[in-house]
Amino acid sequence: MNDLLRELAPVPAGAWQEIEAEAKRTLKAMLAARKLVDFNGPLGWEASAVSLGRTQAMRKAPQEGVQARLRKVQPLVELRVPFELSREELEAVGRGAKDIALDPVRDAARAAALAEDRAVFHGYAEAGIGGIVDASAKAKCAITEDYTQYLASVAEALHKLRAAGIGGPYAIALGPRCFTGLGRTMLGGFPAIEQLRRLLDGPIVSAPAVDGAVLMSTRGGDFELTVGQDFSIGYLEQTAGSVRLYLQESMTFRVLSPEAAVPLAYASG
């Protein structure tokens, strides 16, 4: 038995397979940051922190003539999303049902993906995580709801990256407003989002957790997402009619090179 306590859950093997498959499909569709930043892990549930390679001198030494320095680390944060499934639905899997109600699984996976991506792009101060947008705020470019001018803002952001000596490939994470607006705007008879592809040599990623957009280099070594336990499903408790499970991960994120990204922000944002 491990920390997930799945052996205690009244969930048939076939139902576990359906639950995990649905969670993976949703996470794959929703997660944006993992397509753009360096991924370190999974290091396992027991991993607690990432070494920052730095130290802090202690004011009081443990012994006269001895110097003491405390090593600095960045702790991992545990993110957990509880959800509940009907026992009747779970039992139906064993009878061959192919249409079990897994909306709670999808909702939990969406929430977990948004939490991770929001920490990466916009930070999570309570967990000591600084996001890409705030770290790179000095290079910010303005955008508006006039998406016919959007490519000019992206070109300006590309110039800033190149002028700072940041090489490509260059990718962009588009928040919902940007992704929708570009998809609806036509330039020269083609959707503006297709014209955007011609400017970049990296991917265009839909990022629901992003406010505005972020243009960034994917050359590597600039942004690091560290995962201890990758997304896993565990057991909480049960009643006569339902089973409570949870989706969980442990993670942290570091911006190593703030100059390797340029946020594109709405004037009102």
C-alpha atoms as a PDB file:
ATOM      1  CA  MET A   1       0.000   0.000   0.000  1.00  0.00           C
ATOM      2  CA  ASN A   2       1.333   3.470  -0.901  1.00  0.00           C
ATOM      3  CA  ASP A   3       0.333   7.010   0.037  1.00  0.00           C
ATOM      4  CA  LEU A   4      -2.465   7.068  -2.565  1.00  0.00           C
ATOM      5  CA  LEU A   5      -4.362   4.311  -0.681  1.00  0.00           C
ATOM      6  CA  ARG A   6      -5.936   3.036  -3.885  1.00  0.00           C
ATOM      7  CA  GLU A   7      -6.077  -0.508  -2.523  1.00  0.00           C
ATOM      8  CA  LEU A   8      -8.753   0.665  -0.075  1.00  0.00           C
ATOM      9  CA  ALA A   9     -11.014   2.136  -2.732  1.00  0.00           C
ATOM     10  CA  PRO A  10     -14.090   0.137  -3.846  1.00  0.00           C
ATOM     11  CA  VAL A  11     -13.211   0.818  -7.480  1.00  0.00           C
ATOM     12  CA  PRO A  12     -13.014  -2.080  -9.979  1.00  0.00           C
ATOM     13  CA  ALA A  13      -9.857  -2.403 -12.064  1.00  0.00           C
ATOM     14  CA  GLY A  14     -11.741  -1.538 -15.227  1.00  0.00           C
ATOM     15  CA  ALA A  15     -13.094   1.641 -13.643  1.00  0.00           C
ATOM     16  CA  TRP A  16      -9.598   2.694 -12.573  1.00  0.00           C
ATOM     17  CA  GLN A  17      -8.494   2.364 -16.193  1.00  0.00           C
ATOM     18  CA  GLU A  18     -11.386   4.524 -17.394  1.00  0.00           C
ATOM     19  CA  ILE A  19     -10.751   7.153 -14.710  1.00  0.00           C
ATOM     20  CA  GLU A  20      -7.040   7.387 -15.433  1.00  0.00           C
ATOM     21  CA  ALA A  21      -7.554   7.467 -19.197  1.00  0.00           C
ATOM     22  CA  GLU A  22     -10.060  10.322 -18.896  1.00  0.00           C
ATOM     23  CA  ALA A  23      -7.787  12.284 -16.572  1.00  0.00           C
ATOM     24  CA  LYS A  24      -4.830  11.866 -18.935  1.00  0.00           C
ATOM     25  CA  ARG A  25      -6.855  12.981 -21.953  1.00  0.00           C
ATOM     26  CA  THR A  26      -8.018  16.120 -20.185  1.00  0.00           C
ATOM     27  CA  LEU A  27      -4.593  16.965 -18.767  1.00  0.00           C
ATOM     28  CA  LYS A  28      -2.954  16.507 -22.156  1.00  0.00           C
ATOM     29  CA  ALA A  29      -5.465  18.867 -23.747  1.00  0.00           C
ATOM     30  CA  MET A  30      -5.273  21.513 -21.000  1.00  0.00           C
ATOM     31  CA  LEU A  31      -1.628  21.666 -19.896  1.00  0.00           C
ATOM     32  CA  ALA A  32       0.259  24.403 -21.752  1.00  0.00           C
ATOM     33  CA  ALA A  33       3.440  25.212 -19.807  1.00  0.00           C
ATOM     34  CA  ARG A  34       4.854  21.699 -20.144  1.00  0.00           C
ATOM     35  CA  LYS A  35       4.968  22.200 -23.917  1.00  0.00           C
ATOM     36  CA  LEU A  36       7.169  25.272 -23.536  1.00  0.00           C
ATOM     37  CA  VAL A  37       9.432  24.996 -20.471  1.00  0.00           C
ATOM     38  CA  ASP A  38      12.060  22.529 -19.275  1.00  0.00           C
ATOM     39  CA  PHE A  39      10.585  19.628 -17.316  1.00  0.00           C
ATOM     40  CA  ASN A  40      12.543  18.176 -14.398  1.00  0.00           C
ATOM     41  CA  GLY A  41      11.083  14.970 -12.975  1.00  0.00           C
ATOM     42  CA  PRO A  42       9.077  13.256 -11.830  1.00  0.00           C
ATOM     43  CA  LEU A  43      11.348  12.991  -8.795  1.00  0.00           C
ATOM     44  CA  GLY A  44       8.883  11.038  -6.647  1.00  0.00           C
ATOM     45  CA  TRP A  45       6.530  11.817  -3.781  1.00  0.00           C
ATOM     46  CA  GLU A  46       9.411  11.979  -1.316  1.00  0.00           C
ATOM     47  CA  ALA A  47      11.071  14.925  -3.144  1.00  0.00           C
ATOM     48  CA  SER A  48      10.546  18.045  -1.051  1.00  0.00           C
ATOM     49  CA  ALA A  49      12.638  20.869  -2.504  1.00  0.00           C
ATOM     50  CA  VAL A  50      14.937  22.051  -5.272  1.00  0.00           C
ATOM     51  CA  SER A  51      18.423  23.266  -4.434  1.00  0.00           C
ATOM     52  CA  LEU A  52      19.039  26.874  -5.474  1.00  0.00           C
ATOM     53  CA  GLY A  53      22.808  26.440  -5.316  1.00  0.00           C
ATOM     54  CA  ARG A  54      23.113  29.391  -2.961  1.00  0.00           C
ATOM     55  CA  THR A  55      23.706  29.899   0.747  1.00  0.00           C
ATOM     56  CA  GLN A  56      22.904  32.407   3.463  1.00  0.00           C
ATOM     57  CA  ALA A  57      25.438  33.300   6.141  1.00  0.00           C
ATOM     58  CA  MET A  58      24.172  32.583   9.666  1.00  0.00           C
ATOM     59  CA  ARG A  59      24.456  35.391  12.194  1.00  0.00           C
ATOM     60  CA  LYS A  60      25.130  33.051  15.077  1.00  0.00           C
ATOM     61  CA  ALA A  61      27.694  30.276  14.708  1.00  0.00           C
ATOM     62  CA  PRO A  62      27.327  26.951  16.557  1.00  0.00           C
ATOM     63  CA  GLN A  63      30.914  27.175  17.808  1.00  0.00           C
ATOM     64  CA  GLU A  64      33.520  29.935  18.124  1.00  0.00           C
ATOM     65  CA  GLY A  65      35.777  30.004  15.080  1.00  0.00           C
ATOM     66  CA  VAL A  66      33.225  28.136  12.966  1.00  0.00           C
ATOM     67  CA  GLN A  67      31.446  29.749  10.030  1.00  0.00           C
ATOM     68  CA  ALA A  68      27.933  28.543   9.227  1.00  0.00           C
ATOM     69  CA  ARG A  69      26.038  28.942   5.986  1.00  0.00           C
ATOM     70  CA  LEU A  70      22.489  27.744   5.361  1.00  0.00           C
ATOM     71  CA  ARG A  71      21.808  26.231   1.956  1.00  0.00           C
ATOM     72  CA  LYS A  72      18.833  27.778   0.153  1.00  0.00           C
ATOM     73  CA  VAL A  73      16.142  25.603  -1.374  1.00  0.00           C
ATOM     74  CA  GLN A  74      12.774  26.124  -3.044  1.00  0.00           C
ATOM     75  CA  PRO A  75      10.110  23.791  -1.638  1.00  0.00           C
ATOM     76  CA  LEU A  76       7.659  21.842  -3.750  1.00  0.00           C
ATOM     77  CA  VAL A  77       3.983  22.576  -3.261  1.00  0.00           C
ATOM     78  CA  GLU A  78       1.342  19.842  -3.177  1.00  0.00           C
ATOM     79  CA  LEU A  79      -1.709  20.532  -5.351  1.00  0.00           C
ATOM     80  CA  ARG A  80      -4.765  18.355  -4.706  1.00  0.00           C
ATOM     81  CA  VAL A  81      -8.237  18.381  -6.274  1.00  0.00           C
ATOM     82  CA  PRO A  82     -10.850  16.138  -4.572  1.00  0.00           C
ATOM     83  CA  PHE A  83     -13.727  14.760  -6.645  1.00  0.00           C
ATOM     84  CA  GLU A  84     -16.590  12.310  -6.148  1.00  0.00           C
ATOM     85  CA  LEU A  85     -17.908   9.480  -8.321  1.00  0.00           C
ATOM     86  CA  SER A  86     -21.107   7.478  -8.049  1.00  0.00           C
ATOM     87  CA  ARG A  87     -20.600   3.891  -6.907  1.00  0.00           C
ATOM     88  CA  GLU A  88     -23.428   2.875  -9.189  1.00  0.00           C
ATOM     89  CA  GLU A  89     -21.544   4.289 -12.169  1.00  0.00           C
ATOM     90  CA  LEU A  90     -18.313   2.567 -11.121  1.00  0.00           C
ATOM     91  CA  GLU A  91     -20.082  -0.770 -10.758  1.00  0.00           C
ATOM     92  CA  ALA A  92     -21.585  -0.342 -14.233  1.00  0.00           C
ATOM     93  CA  VAL A  93     -18.105  -0.614 -15.730  1.00  0.00           C
ATOM     94  CA  GLY A  94     -17.903  -4.226 -14.599  1.00  0.00           C
ATOM     95  CA  ARG A  95     -21.121  -4.919 -16.509  1.00  0.00           C
ATOM     96  CA  GLY A  96     -19.608  -3.556 -19.695  1.00  0.00           C
ATOM     97  CA  ALA A  97     -20.944   0.009 -19.613  1.00  0.00           C
ATOM     98  CA  LYS A  98     -19.054   2.306 -21.994  1.00  0.00           C
ATOM     99  CA  ASP A  99     -20.795   5.573 -21.112  1.00  0.00           C
ATOM    100  CA  ILE A 100     -20.022   6.085 -17.423  1.00  0.00           C
ATOM    101  CA  ALA A 101     -20.344   9.631 -16.096  1.00  0.00           C
ATOM    102  CA  LEU A 102     -16.800  10.945 -15.643  1.00  0.00           C
ATOM    103  CA  ASP A 103     -17.512  14.675 -15.565  1.00  0.00           C
ATOM    104  CA  PRO A 104     -16.024  14.975 -12.046  1.00  0.00           C
ATOM    105  CA  VAL A 105     -12.753  13.480 -13.334  1.00  0.00           C
ATOM    106  CA  ARG A 106     -12.614  15.952 -16.204  1.00  0.00           C
ATOM    107  CA  ASP A 107     -13.433  18.870 -13.906  1.00  0.00           C
ATOM    108  CA  ALA A 108     -10.686  17.865 -11.470  1.00  0.00           C
ATOM    109  CA  ALA A 109      -8.145  17.484 -14.263  1.00  0.00           C
ATOM    110  CA  ARG A 110      -9.037  20.891 -15.690  1.00  0.00           C
ATOM    111  CA  ALA A 111      -8.659  22.532 -12.280  1.00  0.00           C
ATOM    112  CA  ALA A 112      -5.309  20.833 -11.669  1.00  0.00           C
ATOM    113  CA  ALA A 113      -3.967  21.829 -15.092  1.00  0.00           C
ATOM    114  CA  LEU A 114      -5.058  25.438 -14.629  1.00  0.00           C
ATOM    115  CA  ALA A 115      -3.423  25.547 -11.190  1.00  0.00           C
ATOM    116  CA  GLU A 116      -0.079  24.340 -12.540  1.00  0.00           C
ATOM    117  CA  ASP A 117      -0.131  26.650 -15.552  1.00  0.00           C
ATOM    118  CA  ARG A 118      -1.210  29.685 -13.533  1.00  0.00           C
ATOM    119  CA  ALA A 119       1.689  29.084 -11.127  1.00  0.00           C
ATOM    120  CA  VAL A 120       4.113  28.893 -14.060  1.00  0.00           C
ATOM    121  CA  PHE A 121       2.882  31.929 -15.973  1.00  0.00           C
ATOM    122  CA  HIS A 122       1.531  34.175 -13.200  1.00  0.00           C
ATOM    123  CA  GLY A 123       3.249  32.810 -10.098  1.00  0.00           C
ATOM    124  CA  TYR A 124       2.053  31.518  -6.748  1.00  0.00           C
ATOM    125  CA  ALA A 125       3.592  33.741  -4.097  1.00  0.00           C
ATOM    126  CA  GLU A 126       2.348  31.675  -1.157  1.00  0.00           C
ATOM    127  CA  ALA A 127       4.432  28.752  -2.429  1.00  0.00           C
ATOM    128  CA  GLY A 128       7.475  30.873  -3.264  1.00  0.00           C
ATOM    129  CA  ILE A 129       6.891  30.587  -7.021  1.00  0.00           C
ATOM    130  CA  GLY A 130       7.527  33.558  -9.290  1.00  0.00           C
ATOM    131  CA  GLY A 131       5.762  33.431 -12.650  1.00  0.00           C
ATOM    132  CA  ILE A 132       7.087  34.214 -16.106  1.00  0.00           C
ATOM    133  CA  VAL A 133       4.816  37.227 -16.623  1.00  0.00           C
ATOM    134  CA  ASP A 134       5.914  39.115 -13.506  1.00  0.00           C
ATOM    135  CA  ALA A 135       9.571  38.132 -13.874  1.00  0.00           C
ATOM    136  CA  SER A 136       9.640  39.439 -17.456  1.00  0.00           C
ATOM    137  CA  ALA A 137       7.386  42.458 -16.908  1.00  0.00           C
ATOM    138  CA  LYS A 138      10.037  45.031 -17.883  1.00  0.00           C
ATOM    139  CA  ALA A 139       9.917  43.837 -21.500  1.00  0.00           C
ATOM    140  CA  LYS A 140       6.095  43.832 -21.697  1.00  0.00           C
ATOM    141  CA  CYS A 141       4.408  44.729 -24.987  1.00  0.00           C
ATOM    142  CA  ALA A 142       0.888  46.139 -25.167  1.00  0.00           C
ATOM    143  CA  ILE A 143      -1.958  44.523 -27.106  1.00  0.00           C
ATOM    144  CA  THR A 144      -5.571  45.566 -27.671  1.00  0.00           C
ATOM    145  CA  GLU A 145      -8.807  44.000 -28.869  1.00  0.00           C
ATOM    146  CA  ASP A 146      -7.886  45.117 -32.401  1.00  0.00           C
ATOM    147  CA  TYR A 147      -6.332  41.856 -33.579  1.00  0.00           C
ATOM    148  CA  THR A 148      -5.401  43.298 -36.970  1.00  0.00           C
ATOM    149  CA  GLN A 149      -2.548  44.967 -35.039  1.00  0.00           C
ATOM    150  CA  TYR A 150      -1.578  41.861 -33.092  1.00  0.00           C
ATOM    151  CA  LEU A 151       1.213  40.723 -35.413  1.00  0.00           C
ATOM    152  CA  ALA A 152       2.939  44.090 -35.015  1.00  0.00           C
ATOM    153  CA  SER A 153       3.046  43.561 -31.241  1.00  0.00           C
ATOM    154  CA  VAL A 154       4.453  40.058 -31.707  1.00  0.00           C
ATOM    155  CA  ALA A 155       7.088  41.403 -34.105  1.00  0.00           C
ATOM    156  CA  GLU A 156       8.048  43.999 -31.483  1.00  0.00           C
ATOM    157  CA  ALA A 157       8.334  41.273 -28.847  1.00  0.00           C
ATOM    158  CA  LEU A 158      10.483  39.138 -31.158  1.00  0.00           C
ATOM    159  CA  HIS A 159      12.773  42.106 -31.717  1.00  0.00           C
ATOM    160  CA  LYS A 160      13.173  42.539 -27.967  1.00  0.00           C
ATOM    161  CA  LEU A 161      14.185  38.896 -27.528  1.00  0.00           C
ATOM    162  CA  ARG A 162      16.694  39.012 -30.374  1.00  0.00           C
ATOM    163  CA  ALA A 163      18.093  42.364 -29.219  1.00  0.00           C
ATOM    164  CA  ALA A 164      18.689  40.801 -25.793  1.00  0.00           C
ATOM    165  CA  GLY A 165      20.658  37.998 -27.442  1.00  0.00           C
ATOM    166  CA  ILE A 166      17.954  35.391 -26.820  1.00  0.00           C
ATOM    167  CA  GLY A 167      17.885  32.780 -29.552  1.00  0.00           C
ATOM    168  CA  GLY A 168      14.972  30.651 -30.699  1.00  0.00           C
ATOM    169  CA  PRO A 169      12.981  28.646 -31.391  1.00  0.00           C
ATOM    170  CA  TYR A 170      10.332  31.151 -30.340  1.00  0.00           C
ATOM    171  CA  ALA A 171       6.901  30.028 -29.165  1.00  0.00           C
ATOM    172  CA  ILE A 172       3.835  31.796 -27.865  1.00  0.00           C
ATOM    173  CA  ALA A 173       1.309  30.888 -25.174  1.00  0.00           C
ATOM    174  CA  LEU A 174      -2.041  32.438 -26.067  1.00  0.00           C
ATOM    175  CA  GLY A 175      -4.631  33.112 -23.390  1.00  0.00           C
ATOM    176  CA  PRO A 176      -8.322  32.597 -24.211  1.00  0.00           C
ATOM    177  CA  ARG A 177      -8.973  36.159 -25.397  1.00  0.00           C
ATOM    178  CA  CYS A 178      -5.963  36.147 -27.694  1.00  0.00           C
ATOM    179  CA  PHE A 179      -6.587  32.670 -29.080  1.00  0.00           C
ATOM    180  CA  THR A 180     -10.233  33.416 -29.839  1.00  0.00           C
ATOM    181  CA  GLY A 181      -9.591  36.895 -31.206  1.00  0.00           C
ATOM    182  CA  LEU A 182      -6.851  35.773 -33.562  1.00  0.00           C
ATOM    183  CA  GLY A 183      -8.933  32.851 -34.773  1.00  0.00           C
ATOM    184  CA  ARG A 184     -11.800  35.174 -35.685  1.00  0.00           C
ATOM    185  CA  THR A 185      -9.693  37.878 -37.362  1.00  0.00           C
ATOM    186  CA  MET A 186      -8.872  37.673 -41.073  1.00  0.00           C
ATOM    187  CA  LEU A 187      -5.722  39.190 -42.580  1.00  0.00           C
ATOM    188  CA  GLY A 188      -5.199  38.961 -46.326  1.00  0.00           C
ATOM    189  CA  GLY A 189      -7.905  36.338 -46.582  1.00  0.00           C
ATOM    190  CA  PHE A 190      -6.371  34.098 -43.903  1.00  0.00           C
ATOM    191  CA  PRO A 191      -7.003  33.811 -40.154  1.00  0.00           C
ATOM    192  CA  ALA A 192      -4.588  36.026 -38.218  1.00  0.00           C
ATOM    193  CA  ILE A 193      -3.510  33.019 -36.152  1.00  0.00           C
ATOM    194  CA  GLU A 194      -2.185  31.387 -39.351  1.00  0.00           C
ATOM    195  CA  GLN A 195      -0.254  34.541 -40.177  1.00  0.00           C
ATOM    196  CA  LEU A 196       1.185  34.373 -36.676  1.00  0.00           C
ATOM    197  CA  ARG A 197       2.597  30.925 -37.430  1.00  0.00           C
ATOM    198  CA  ARG A 198       4.703  32.434 -40.181  1.00  0.00           C
ATOM    199  CA  LEU A 199       6.418  34.724 -37.687  1.00  0.00           C
ATOM    200  CA  LEU A 200       7.436  31.947 -35.303  1.00  0.00           C
ATOM    201  CA  ASP A 201       9.632  28.882 -35.582  1.00  0.00           C
ATOM    202  CA  GLY A 202       8.108  27.308 -32.453  1.00  0.00           C
ATOM    203  CA  PRO A 203       4.610  26.235 -31.415  1.00  0.00           C
ATOM    204  CA  ILE A 204       1.507  28.316 -30.816  1.00  0.00           C
ATOM    205  CA  VAL A 205      -0.020  26.938 -27.618  1.00  0.00           C
ATOM    206  CA  SER A 206      -3.503  27.545 -26.257  1.00  0.00           C
ATOM    207  CA  ALA A 207      -3.010  28.437 -22.588  1.00  0.00           C
ATOM    208  CA  PRO A 208      -6.336  28.924 -20.738  1.00  0.00           C
ATOM    209  CA  ALA A 209      -4.557  30.009 -17.539  1.00  0.00           C
ATOM    210  CA  VAL A 210      -2.741  32.929 -19.202  1.00  0.00           C
ATOM    211  CA  ASP A 211      -3.983  36.506 -19.091  1.00  0.00           C
ATOM    212  CA  GLY A 212      -2.994  37.949 -22.460  1.00  0.00           C
ATOM    213  CA  ALA A 213      -0.091  36.041 -24.012  1.00  0.00           C
ATOM    214  CA  VAL A 214       3.581  35.226 -23.492  1.00  0.00           C
ATOM    215  CA  LEU A 215       6.169  35.091 -26.254  1.00  0.00           C
ATOM    216  CA  MET A 216       9.164  33.050 -25.147  1.00  0.00           C
ATOM    217  CA  SER A 217      12.253  31.217 -26.254  1.00  0.00           C
ATOM    218  CA  THR A 218      12.198  27.437 -26.086  1.00  0.00           C
ATOM    219  CA  ARG A 219      15.969  27.079 -26.539  1.00  0.00           C
ATOM    220  CA  GLY A 220      16.136  25.489 -23.080  1.00  0.00           C
ATOM    221  CA  GLY A 221      17.735  26.434 -19.782  1.00  0.00           C
ATOM    222  CA  ASP A 222      15.534  29.486 -19.135  1.00  0.00           C
ATOM    223  CA  PHE A 223      12.437  28.124 -17.361  1.00  0.00           C
ATOM    224  CA  GLU A 224      12.302  25.014 -15.176  1.00  0.00           C
ATOM    225  CA  LEU A 225       9.226  23.147 -13.999  1.00  0.00           C
ATOM    226  CA  THR A 226      10.140  20.591 -11.339  1.00  0.00           C
ATOM    227  CA  VAL A 227       7.671  17.838 -10.489  1.00  0.00           C
ATOM    228  CA  GLY A 228       7.954  15.475  -7.543  1.00  0.00           C
ATOM    229  CA  GLN A 229       4.864  13.314  -7.852  1.00  0.00           C
ATOM    230  CA  ASP A 230       3.311  13.735 -11.282  1.00  0.00           C
ATOM    231  CA  PHE A 231      -0.475  13.838 -11.540  1.00  0.00           C
ATOM    232  CA  SER A 232      -1.786  10.811  -9.650  1.00  0.00           C
ATOM    233  CA  ILE A 233      -5.208   9.693  -8.445  1.00  0.00           C
ATOM    234  CA  GLY A 234      -5.705   8.620  -4.849  1.00  0.00           C
ATOM    235  CA  TYR A 235      -8.501   7.530  -2.509  1.00  0.00           C
ATOM    236  CA  LEU A 236     -10.040   9.632   0.266  1.00  0.00           C
ATOM    237  CA  GLU A 237     -13.226   7.987   1.560  1.00  0.00           C
ATOM    238  CA  GLN A 238     -16.510   6.350   0.610  1.00  0.00           C
ATOM    239  CA  THR A 239     -20.203   6.425   1.456  1.00  0.00           C
ATOM    240  CA  ALA A 240     -22.996   4.045   0.541  1.00  0.00           C
ATOM    241  CA  GLY A 241     -23.551   5.908  -2.706  1.00  0.00           C
ATOM    242  CA  SER A 242     -20.237   7.455  -3.736  1.00  0.00           C
ATOM    243  CA  VAL A 243     -16.458   7.270  -3.647  1.00  0.00           C
ATOM    244  CA  ARG A 244     -14.296  10.334  -2.999  1.00  0.00           C
ATOM    245  CA  LEU A 245     -10.997  10.377  -4.863  1.00  0.00           C
ATOM    246  CA  TYR A 246      -8.449  13.088  -5.582  1.00  0.00           C
ATOM    247  CA  LEU A 247      -6.011  14.165  -8.278  1.00  0.00           C
ATOM    248  CA  GLN A 248      -2.656  15.270  -6.901  1.00  0.00           C
ATOM    249  CA  GLU A 249       0.814  16.460  -7.872  1.00  0.00           C
ATOM    250  CA  SER A 250       3.769  18.137  -6.177  1.00  0.00           C
ATOM    251  CA  MET A 251       5.652  20.802  -8.118  1.00  0.00           C
ATOM    252  CA  THR A 252       7.541  24.073  -8.196  1.00  0.00           C
ATOM    253  CA  PHE A 253       8.758  26.398 -10.918  1.00  0.00           C
ATOM    254  CA  ARG A 254      11.740  28.708 -11.431  1.00  0.00           C
ATOM    255  CA  VAL A 255      12.395  31.499 -13.910  1.00  0.00           C
ATOM    256  CA  LEU A 256      16.120  31.221 -14.579  1.00  0.00           C
ATOM    257  CA  SER A 257      16.335  33.809 -17.391  1.00  0.00           C
ATOM    258  CA  PRO A 258      13.635  36.509 -17.184  1.00  0.00           C
ATOM    259  CA  GLU A 259      14.916  38.077 -20.393  1.00  0.00           C
ATOM    260  CA  ALA A 260      13.887  34.970 -22.366  1.00  0.00           C
ATOM    261  CA  ALA A 261      10.190  35.927 -22.369  1.00  0.00           C
ATOM    262  CA  VAL A 262       8.073  38.934 -23.329  1.00  0.00           C
ATOM    263  CA  PRO A 263       4.521  39.212 -21.938  1.00  0.00           C
ATOM    264  CA  LEU A 264       1.835  40.625 -24.206  1.00  0.00           C
ATOM    265  CA  ALA A 265      -0.671  42.371 -21.958  1.00  0.00           C
ATOM    266  CA  TYR A 266      -3.978  44.095 -22.559  1.00  0.00           C
ATOM    267  CA  ALA A 267      -4.070  47.730 -21.515  1.00  0.00           C
ATOM    268  CA  SER A 268      -6.778  46.900 -18.983  1.00  0.00           C
ATOM    269  CA  GLY A 269      -4.869  43.851 -17.686  1.00  0.00           C
END
